[in-house]
C-alpha atoms as a PDB file:
ATOM      1  CA  MET A   1     148.054 -24.725  60.000  1.00  0.00           C
ATOM      2  CA  ALA A   2     144.542 -23.794  61.205  1.00  0.00           C
ATOM      3  CA  LEU A   3     144.504 -20.637  59.102  1.00  0.00           C
ATOM      4  CA  LEU A   4     145.526 -22.534  56.013  1.00  0.00           C
ATOM      5  CA  ALA A   5     142.658 -24.962  56.597  1.00  0.00           C
ATOM      6  CA  LEU A   6     140.064 -22.131  56.894  1.00  0.00           C
ATOM      7  CA  ARG A   7     141.247 -20.213  53.778  1.00  0.00           C
ATOM      8  CA  PRO A   8     139.181 -22.175  51.239  1.00  0.00           C
ATOM      9  CA  LEU A   9     136.026 -21.633  53.333  1.00  0.00           C
ATOM     10  CA  LEU A  10     136.587 -17.841  53.456  1.00  0.00           C
ATOM     11  CA  VAL A  11     137.134 -17.700  49.683  1.00  0.00           C
ATOM     12  CA  LYS A  12     133.829 -19.513  49.009  1.00  0.00           C
ATOM     13  CA  GLN A  13     131.928 -17.255  51.435  1.00  0.00           C
ATOM     14  CA  ARG A  14     133.309 -14.152  49.687  1.00  0.00           C
ATOM     15  CA  GLN A  15     132.252 -15.468  46.264  1.00  0.00           C
ATOM     16  CA  LEU A  16     128.769 -16.260  47.586  1.00  0.00           C
ATOM     17  CA  SER A  17     128.390 -12.722  48.982  1.00  0.00           C
ATOM     18  CA  LEU A  18     129.457 -11.157  45.670  1.00  0.00           C
ATOM     19  CA  THR A  19     126.966 -13.341  43.819  1.00  0.00           C
ATOM     20  CA  LEU A  20     124.122 -12.301  46.116  1.00  0.00           C
ATOM     21  CA  LEU A  21     125.102  -8.656  45.748  1.00  0.00           C
ATOM     22  CA  ARG A  22     125.094  -8.849  41.950  1.00  0.00           C
ATOM     23  CA  CYS A  23     121.698 -10.519  41.992  1.00  0.00           C
ATOM     24  CA  SER A  24     120.285  -7.875  44.285  1.00  0.00           C
ATOM     25  CA  GLY A  25     121.731  -5.077  42.151  1.00  0.00           C
ATOM     26  CA  SER A  26     120.235  -6.465  38.951  1.00  0.00           C
ATOM     27  CA  SER A  27     116.704  -6.898  40.448  1.00  0.00           C
ATOM     28  CA  LEU A  28     116.468  -3.498  42.212  1.00  0.00           C
ATOM     29  CA  PRO A  29     115.335  -1.509  39.123  1.00  0.00           C
ATOM     30  CA  THR A  30     112.700  -4.152  38.465  1.00  0.00           C
ATOM     31  CA  LEU A  31     111.366  -3.805  42.006  1.00  0.00           C
ATOM     32  CA  VAL A  32     111.317  -0.005  41.662  1.00  0.00           C
ATOM     33  CA  ARG A  33     109.422  -0.212  38.380  1.00  0.00           C
ATOM     34  CA  GLN A  34     106.928  -2.650  39.869  1.00  0.00           C
ATOM     35  CA  TYR A  35     106.382  -0.376  42.856  1.00  0.00           C
ATOM     36  CA  ALA A  36     105.873   2.719  40.618  1.00  0.00           C
ATOM     37  CA  ALA A  37     103.421   0.834  38.392  1.00  0.00           C
ATOM     38  CA  GLY A  38     101.475  -0.284  41.459  1.00  0.00           C
ATOM     39  CA  ARG A  39     101.245   3.293  42.768  1.00  0.00           C
ATOM     40  CA  ALA A  40     100.062   4.609  39.389  1.00  0.00           C
ATOM     41  CA  GLU A  41      97.400   1.914  39.178  1.00  0.00           C
ATOM     42  CA  GLN A  42      96.228   2.740  42.711  1.00  0.00           C
ATOM     43  CA  GLU A  43      96.013   6.491  41.946  1.00  0.00           C
ATOM     44  CA  LYS A  44      94.104   5.796  38.727  1.00  0.00           C
ATOM     45  CA  SER A  45      91.607   3.630  40.594  1.00  0.00           C
ATOM     46  CA  SER A  46      91.168   6.346  43.246  1.00  0.00           C
ATOM     47  CA  SER A  47      90.523   8.994  40.528  1.00  0.00           C
ATOM     48  CA  LYS A  48      87.868   6.823  38.893  1.00  0.00           C
ATOM     49  CA  SER A  49      86.162   6.268  42.241  1.00  0.00           C
ATOM     50  CA  LEU A  50      86.201  10.013  43.019  1.00  0.00           C
ATOM     51  CA  SER A  51      84.803  10.841  39.569  1.00  0.00           C
ATOM     52  CA  ALA A  52      81.975   8.353  39.977  1.00  0.00           C
ATOM     53  CA  SER A  53      81.194   9.786  43.393  1.00  0.00           C
ATOM     54  CA  THR A  54      81.096  13.319  41.933  1.00  0.00           C
ATOM     55  CA  ASP A  55      78.762  12.223  39.131  1.00  0.00           C
ATOM     56  CA  ARG A  56      76.376  10.707  41.634  1.00  0.00           C
ATOM     57  CA  THR A  57      76.472  13.916  43.669  1.00  0.00           C
ATOM     58  CA  ASP A  58      75.603  16.017  40.582  1.00  0.00           C
ATOM     59  CA  VAL A  59      72.609  13.828  39.824  1.00  0.00           C
ATOM     60  CA  SER A  60      70.708  14.420  43.066  1.00  0.00           C
ATOM     61  CA  THR A  61      71.412  15.602  46.592  1.00  0.00           C
ATOM     62  CA  ASP A  62      67.764  15.734  47.718  1.00  0.00           C
ATOM     63  CA  VAL A  63      67.144  12.655  49.802  1.00  0.00           C
ATOM     64  CA  ARG A  64      63.861  13.839  51.331  1.00  0.00           C
ATOM     65  CA  PRO A  65      60.755  11.632  50.987  1.00  0.00           C
ATOM     66  CA  LEU A  66      58.595  12.163  47.890  1.00  0.00           C
ATOM     67  CA  GLY A  67      55.608  13.339  49.930  1.00  0.00           C
ATOM     68  CA  GLU A  68      57.664  16.039  51.616  1.00  0.00           C
ATOM     69  CA  ARG A  69      58.979  17.300  48.279  1.00  0.00           C
ATOM     70  CA  VAL A  70      55.479  17.405  46.789  1.00  0.00           C
ATOM     71  CA  LYS A  71      54.260  19.338  49.823  1.00  0.00           C
ATOM     72  CA  GLU A  72      57.099  21.831  49.469  1.00  0.00           C
ATOM     73  CA  ASN A  73      56.375  22.343  45.737  1.00  0.00           C
ATOM     74  CA  THR A  74      52.674  22.847  46.457  1.00  0.00           C
ATOM     75  CA  LYS A  75      53.479  25.458  49.098  1.00  0.00           C
ATOM     76  CA  THR A  76      55.762  27.308  46.662  1.00  0.00           C
ATOM     77  CA  ALA A  77      53.046  27.292  43.988  1.00  0.00           C
ATOM     78  CA  SER A  78      50.544  28.671  46.527  1.00  0.00           C
ATOM     79  CA  TYR A  79      52.887  31.509  47.426  1.00  0.00           C
ATOM     80  CA  MET A  80      53.323  32.357  43.750  1.00  0.00           C
ATOM     81  CA  GLY A  81      49.549  32.375  43.284  1.00  0.00           C
ATOM     82  CA  VAL A  82      49.103  34.774  46.205  1.00  0.00           C
ATOM     83  CA  ILE A  83      51.793  37.075  44.803  1.00  0.00           C
ATOM     84  CA  MET A  84      50.218  37.098  41.334  1.00  0.00           C
ATOM     85  CA  LEU A  85      46.791  37.799  42.845  1.00  0.00           C
ATOM     86  CA  GLY A  86      48.235  40.709  44.823  1.00  0.00           C
ATOM     87  CA  VAL A  87      49.835  42.149  41.690  1.00  0.00           C
ATOM     88  CA  GLY A  88      46.529  41.878  39.812  1.00  0.00           C
ATOM     89  CA  VAL A  89      44.529  43.583  42.583  1.00  0.00           C
ATOM     90  CA  THR A  90      47.112  46.373  42.828  1.00  0.00           C
ATOM     91  CA  GLY A  91      46.968  46.939  39.074  1.00  0.00           C
ATOM     92  CA  LEU A  92      43.165  47.092  39.183  1.00  0.00           C
ATOM     93  CA  LEU A  93      43.252  49.647  42.000  1.00  0.00           C
ATOM     94  CA  PHE A  94      45.713  51.818  40.088  1.00  0.00           C
ATOM     95  CA  TYR A  95      43.472  51.637  37.016  1.00  0.00           C
ATOM     96  CA  VAL A  96      40.380  52.687  38.987  1.00  0.00           C
ATOM     97  CA  ILE A  97      42.225  55.565  40.656  1.00  0.00           C
ATOM     98  CA  PHE A  98      43.651  56.716  37.324  1.00  0.00           C
ATOM     99  CA  TRP A  99      40.218  56.576  35.694  1.00  0.00           C
ATOM    100  CA  GLU A 100      38.589  58.515  38.557  1.00  0.00           C
ATOM    101  CA  LEU A 101      41.216  61.253  38.490  1.00  0.00           C
ATOM    102  CA  PHE A 102      41.916  61.717  34.789  1.00  0.00           C
ATOM    103  CA  SER A 103      38.921  60.468  32.820  1.00  0.00           C
ATOM    104  CA  SER A 104      36.522  63.213  31.787  1.00  0.00           C
ATOM    105  CA  ASP A 105      33.619  60.748  32.072  1.00  0.00           C
ATOM    106  CA  SER A 106      34.335  59.666  35.657  1.00  0.00           C
ATOM    107  CA  PRO A 107      31.731  60.597  38.325  1.00  0.00           C
ATOM    108  CA  ASN A 108      34.285  62.744  40.130  1.00  0.00           C
ATOM    109  CA  ASN A 109      35.025  64.858  37.056  1.00  0.00           C
ATOM    110  CA  ILE A 110      31.344  65.112  36.087  1.00  0.00           C
ATOM    111  CA  TYR A 111      30.637  66.432  39.585  1.00  0.00           C
ATOM    112  CA  SER A 112      33.502  68.960  39.396  1.00  0.00           C
ATOM    113  CA  GLU A 113      32.427  70.226  35.980  1.00  0.00           C
ATOM    114  CA  ALA A 114      28.767  70.560  36.999  1.00  0.00           C
ATOM    115  CA  LEU A 115      29.678  72.377  40.230  1.00  0.00           C
ATOM    116  CA  GLU A 116      31.741  74.948  38.343  1.00  0.00           C
ATOM    117  CA  ARG A 117      28.892  75.390  35.877  1.00  0.00           C
ATOM    118  CA  VAL A 118      26.413  76.014  38.696  1.00  0.00           C
ATOM    119  CA  LYS A 119      28.710  78.389  40.583  1.00  0.00           C
ATOM    120  CA  GLU A 120      29.111  80.547  37.458  1.00  0.00           C
ATOM    121  CA  GLU A 121      25.355  80.834  36.890  1.00  0.00           C
ATOM    122  CA  PRO A 122      24.183  84.377  37.868  1.00  0.00           C
ATOM    123  CA  ARG A 123      20.702  83.187  38.898  1.00  0.00           C
ATOM    124  CA  VAL A 124      22.213  80.671  41.333  1.00  0.00           C
ATOM    125  CA  ARG A 125      24.556  83.283  42.830  1.00  0.00           C
ATOM    126  CA  ASP A 126      21.658  85.705  43.304  1.00  0.00           C
ATOM    127  CA  ALA A 127      19.472  83.036  44.941  1.00  0.00           C
ATOM    128  CA  LEU A 128      22.074  81.528  47.278  1.00  0.00           C
ATOM    129  CA  GLY A 129      24.649  84.251  47.700  1.00  0.00           C
ATOM    130  CA  SER A 130      28.364  84.008  46.935  1.00  0.00           C
ATOM    131  CA  PRO A 131      30.671  82.277  47.580  1.00  0.00           C
ATOM    132  CA  ILE A 132      29.055  78.909  46.808  1.00  0.00           C
ATOM    133  CA  LYS A 133      30.466  75.544  47.827  1.00  0.00           C
ATOM    134  CA  GLY A 134      29.392  72.024  46.899  1.00  0.00           C
ATOM    135  CA  PHE A 135      29.358  68.744  48.821  1.00  0.00           C
ATOM    136  CA  GLY A 136      27.993  65.219  48.656  1.00  0.00           C
ATOM    137  CA  GLU A 137      25.969  63.035  50.960  1.00  0.00           C
ATOM    138  CA  GLU A 138      26.647  63.367  54.671  1.00  0.00           C
ATOM    139  CA  SER A 139      28.383  60.347  56.197  1.00  0.00           C
ATOM    140  CA  ARG A 140      27.901  58.978  59.711  1.00  0.00           C
ATOM    141  CA  ARG A 141      30.841  61.058  60.889  1.00  0.00           C
ATOM    142  CA  GLY A 142      29.352  64.236  59.492  1.00  0.00           C
ATOM    143  CA  ARG A 143      31.607  64.399  56.431  1.00  0.00           C
ATOM    144  CA  ARG A 144      29.951  65.321  53.148  1.00  0.00           C
ATOM    145  CA  THR A 145      32.193  63.744  50.569  1.00  0.00           C
ATOM    146  CA  HIS A 146      30.166  61.063  48.777  1.00  0.00           C
ATOM    147  CA  VAL A 147      28.358  62.221  45.630  1.00  0.00           C
ATOM    148  CA  ALA A 148      25.325  60.046  44.893  1.00  0.00           C
ATOM    149  CA  HIS A 149      25.222  58.830  41.295  1.00  0.00           C
ATOM    150  CA  THR A 150      23.666  56.008  39.292  1.00  0.00           C
ATOM    151  CA  LYS A 151      24.660  54.448  35.987  1.00  0.00           C
ATOM    152  CA  TYR A 152      22.201  52.553  33.822  1.00  0.00           C
ATOM    153  CA  VAL A 153      21.675  51.446  30.220  1.00  0.00           C
ATOM    154  CA  LYS A 154      18.464  52.059  28.294  1.00  0.00           C
ATOM    155  CA  ASP A 155      17.888  50.996  24.679  1.00  0.00           C
ATOM    156  CA  GLY A 156      21.608  50.295  24.374  1.00  0.00           C
ATOM    157  CA  VAL A 157      22.592  53.806  25.519  1.00  0.00           C
ATOM    158  CA  GLU A 158      24.577  54.438  28.710  1.00  0.00           C
ATOM    159  CA  TYR A 159      23.330  57.090  31.165  1.00  0.00           C
ATOM    160  CA  ILE A 160      24.617  58.562  34.407  1.00  0.00           C
ATOM    161  CA  ARG A 161      22.405  60.377  36.917  1.00  0.00           C
ATOM    162  CA  MET A 162      23.810  62.424  39.798  1.00  0.00           C
ATOM    163  CA  GLN A 163      22.719  64.512  42.773  1.00  0.00           C
ATOM    164  CA  PHE A 164      24.755  66.759  45.084  1.00  0.00           C
ATOM    165  CA  TYR A 165      24.265  69.815  47.294  1.00  0.00           C
ATOM    166  CA  ILE A 166      25.367  73.441  47.186  1.00  0.00           C
ATOM    167  CA  GLN A 167      25.347  76.167  49.806  1.00  0.00           C
ATOM    168  CA  GLY A 168      25.792  79.928  49.654  1.00  0.00           C
ATOM    169  CA  ILE A 169      25.955  82.559  52.367  1.00  0.00           C
ATOM    170  CA  ARG A 170      22.127  82.890  52.408  1.00  0.00           C
ATOM    171  CA  ASN A 171      20.492  79.680  51.189  1.00  0.00           C
ATOM    172  CA  LYS A 172      21.015  76.078  50.133  1.00  0.00           C
ATOM    173  CA  GLY A 173      20.029  73.999  47.127  1.00  0.00           C
ATOM    174  CA  THR A 174      20.236  70.594  45.464  1.00  0.00           C
ATOM    175  CA  VAL A 175      21.756  69.993  42.031  1.00  0.00           C
ATOM    176  CA  HIS A 176      20.219  67.308  39.779  1.00  0.00           C
ATOM    177  CA  LEU A 177      21.791  66.207  36.509  1.00  0.00           C
ATOM    178  CA  GLU A 178      21.708  63.439  33.955  1.00  0.00           C
ATOM    179  CA  LYS A 179      24.048  62.724  31.071  1.00  0.00           C
ATOM    180  CA  ARG A 180      23.913  60.279  28.171  1.00  0.00           C
ATOM    181  CA  LYS A 181      26.722  58.738  26.181  1.00  0.00           C
ATOM    182  CA  THR A 182      26.834  59.748  22.529  1.00  0.00           C
ATOM    183  CA  GLU A 183      27.976  57.693  19.554  1.00  0.00           C
ATOM    184  CA  SER A 184      31.369  59.422  19.719  1.00  0.00           C
ATOM    185  CA  GLY A 185      31.893  58.077  23.244  1.00  0.00           C
ATOM    186  CA  SER A 186      31.536  61.363  25.136  1.00  0.00           C
ATOM    187  CA  PHE A 187      28.756  62.325  27.576  1.00  0.00           C
ATOM    188  CA  GLU A 188      26.323  65.202  27.037  1.00  0.00           C
ATOM    189  CA  TYR A 189      23.730  66.731  29.342  1.00  0.00           C
ATOM    190  CA  ARG A 190      20.140  65.638  29.245  1.00  0.00           C
ATOM    191  CA  TYR A 191      19.302  68.020  32.054  1.00  0.00           C
ATOM    192  CA  LEU A 192      20.961  70.104  34.753  1.00  0.00           C
ATOM    193  CA  PHE A 193      18.989  72.140  37.278  1.00  0.00           C
ATOM    194  CA  VAL A 194      19.184  73.531  40.820  1.00  0.00           C
ATOM    195  CA  GLN A 195      16.325  72.992  43.249  1.00  0.00           C
ATOM    196  CA  LEU A 196      16.284  75.700  45.919  1.00  0.00           C
ATOM    197  CA  ASP A 197      15.476  74.685  49.498  1.00  0.00           C
ATOM    198  CA  TYR A 198      13.219  77.698  50.092  1.00  0.00           C
ATOM    199  CA  ASN A 199      11.433  77.436  46.707  1.00  0.00           C
ATOM    200  CA  ARG A 200      11.425  73.852  45.459  1.00  0.00           C
ATOM    201  CA  GLN A 201       8.578  74.448  42.984  1.00  0.00           C
ATOM    202  CA  ASN A 202      10.615  76.856  40.844  1.00  0.00           C
ATOM    203  CA  PRO A 203      14.002  75.278  40.055  1.00  0.00           C
ATOM    204  CA  ILE A 204      16.734  77.068  38.131  1.00  0.00           C
ATOM    205  CA  ILE A 205      17.141  75.109  34.866  1.00  0.00           C
ATOM    206  CA  LEU A 206      20.563  75.271  33.244  1.00  0.00           C
ATOM    207  CA  GLU A 207      20.150  72.421  30.702  1.00  0.00           C
ATOM    208  CA  ASP A 208      17.166  70.490  29.353  1.00  0.00           C
ATOM    209  CA  ASN A 209      17.926  68.604  26.123  1.00  0.00           C
ATOM    210  CA  ARG A 210      15.542  65.700  26.537  1.00  0.00           C
ATOM    211  CA  LEU A 211      13.212  66.762  23.726  1.00  0.00           C
ATOM    212  CA  GLN A 212      16.003  66.925  21.150  1.00  0.00           C
ATOM    213  CA  GLN A 213      17.653  63.702  22.273  1.00  0.00           C
ATOM    214  CA  ASP A 214      14.459  61.681  22.501  1.00  0.00           C
ATOM    215  CA  ALA A 215      12.709  63.123  19.442  1.00  0.00           C
ATOM    216  CA  ALA A 216      13.420  60.191  17.155  1.00  0.00           C
ATOM    217  CA  HIS A 217      12.487  57.603  19.770  1.00  0.00           C
ATOM    218  CA  HIS A 218       9.213  59.255  20.711  1.00  0.00           C
ATOM    219  CA  ALA A 219       8.326  59.885  17.059  1.00  0.00           C
ATOM    220  CA  THR A 220       8.529  56.184  16.282  1.00  0.00           C
ATOM    221  CA  SER A 221       6.789  55.093  19.485  1.00  0.00           C
ATOM    222  CA  GLY A 222       4.009  57.704  19.248  1.00  0.00           C
ATOM    223  CA  THR A 223       4.615  58.999  22.793  1.00  0.00           C
ATOM    224  CA  THR A 224       5.659  62.379  24.112  1.00  0.00           C
ATOM    225  CA  PRO A 225       8.434  63.185  26.574  1.00  0.00           C
ATOM    226  CA  GLN A 226       7.487  63.335  30.198  1.00  0.00           C
ATOM    227  CA  PRO A 227       7.873  66.727  31.898  1.00  0.00           C
ATOM    228  CA  LEU A 228      11.025  67.307  33.939  1.00  0.00           C
ATOM    229  CA  PHE A 229       9.035  68.179  37.106  1.00  0.00           C
END
């Protein structure tokens, strides 16, 4: 009798359970879709935030004070100026060395050409004795390497004057020369002579073209050339 009384209650409980199960089964896909949509929205928001952060990083990463950045830029510009100055000085030195070694009008080449001319002169070889060597001014250390020379401009014409020394096995002498620049740009002798140490009053003259070169000037001025000695 007790079981018969409880039967209706068990039937109702079973129906209620089935109803709840059907409701849960019908709403599960909706919950899954809602969860997936929420995850997608969250990932999209994270991507936007990361992109914005990357853009800000690309704009500027230097957070130093303005004064420090200006100081750094000034230092860099100073270094560049020093480098450019060094390059300019080096180029100038190379130009001077090239001109001294290869230009026919450089003092070094004028000295070399005049020395060879003097050494080949028979009168000089007889007076000094062969072989003959040449040298410049004597330095404090006893080295005779510097050849004294002077450049000047007169009446728009460029001149170079030079003096150096020669020595043979018997005697010594001093070489004096002067050259002028012609209209073609080359230099020609005005004079070239050797003054002997033992007989300075009677030099050996190899070139003396002053009369020909100065003829027009002295003709117009009414003066005469001064003697060489």
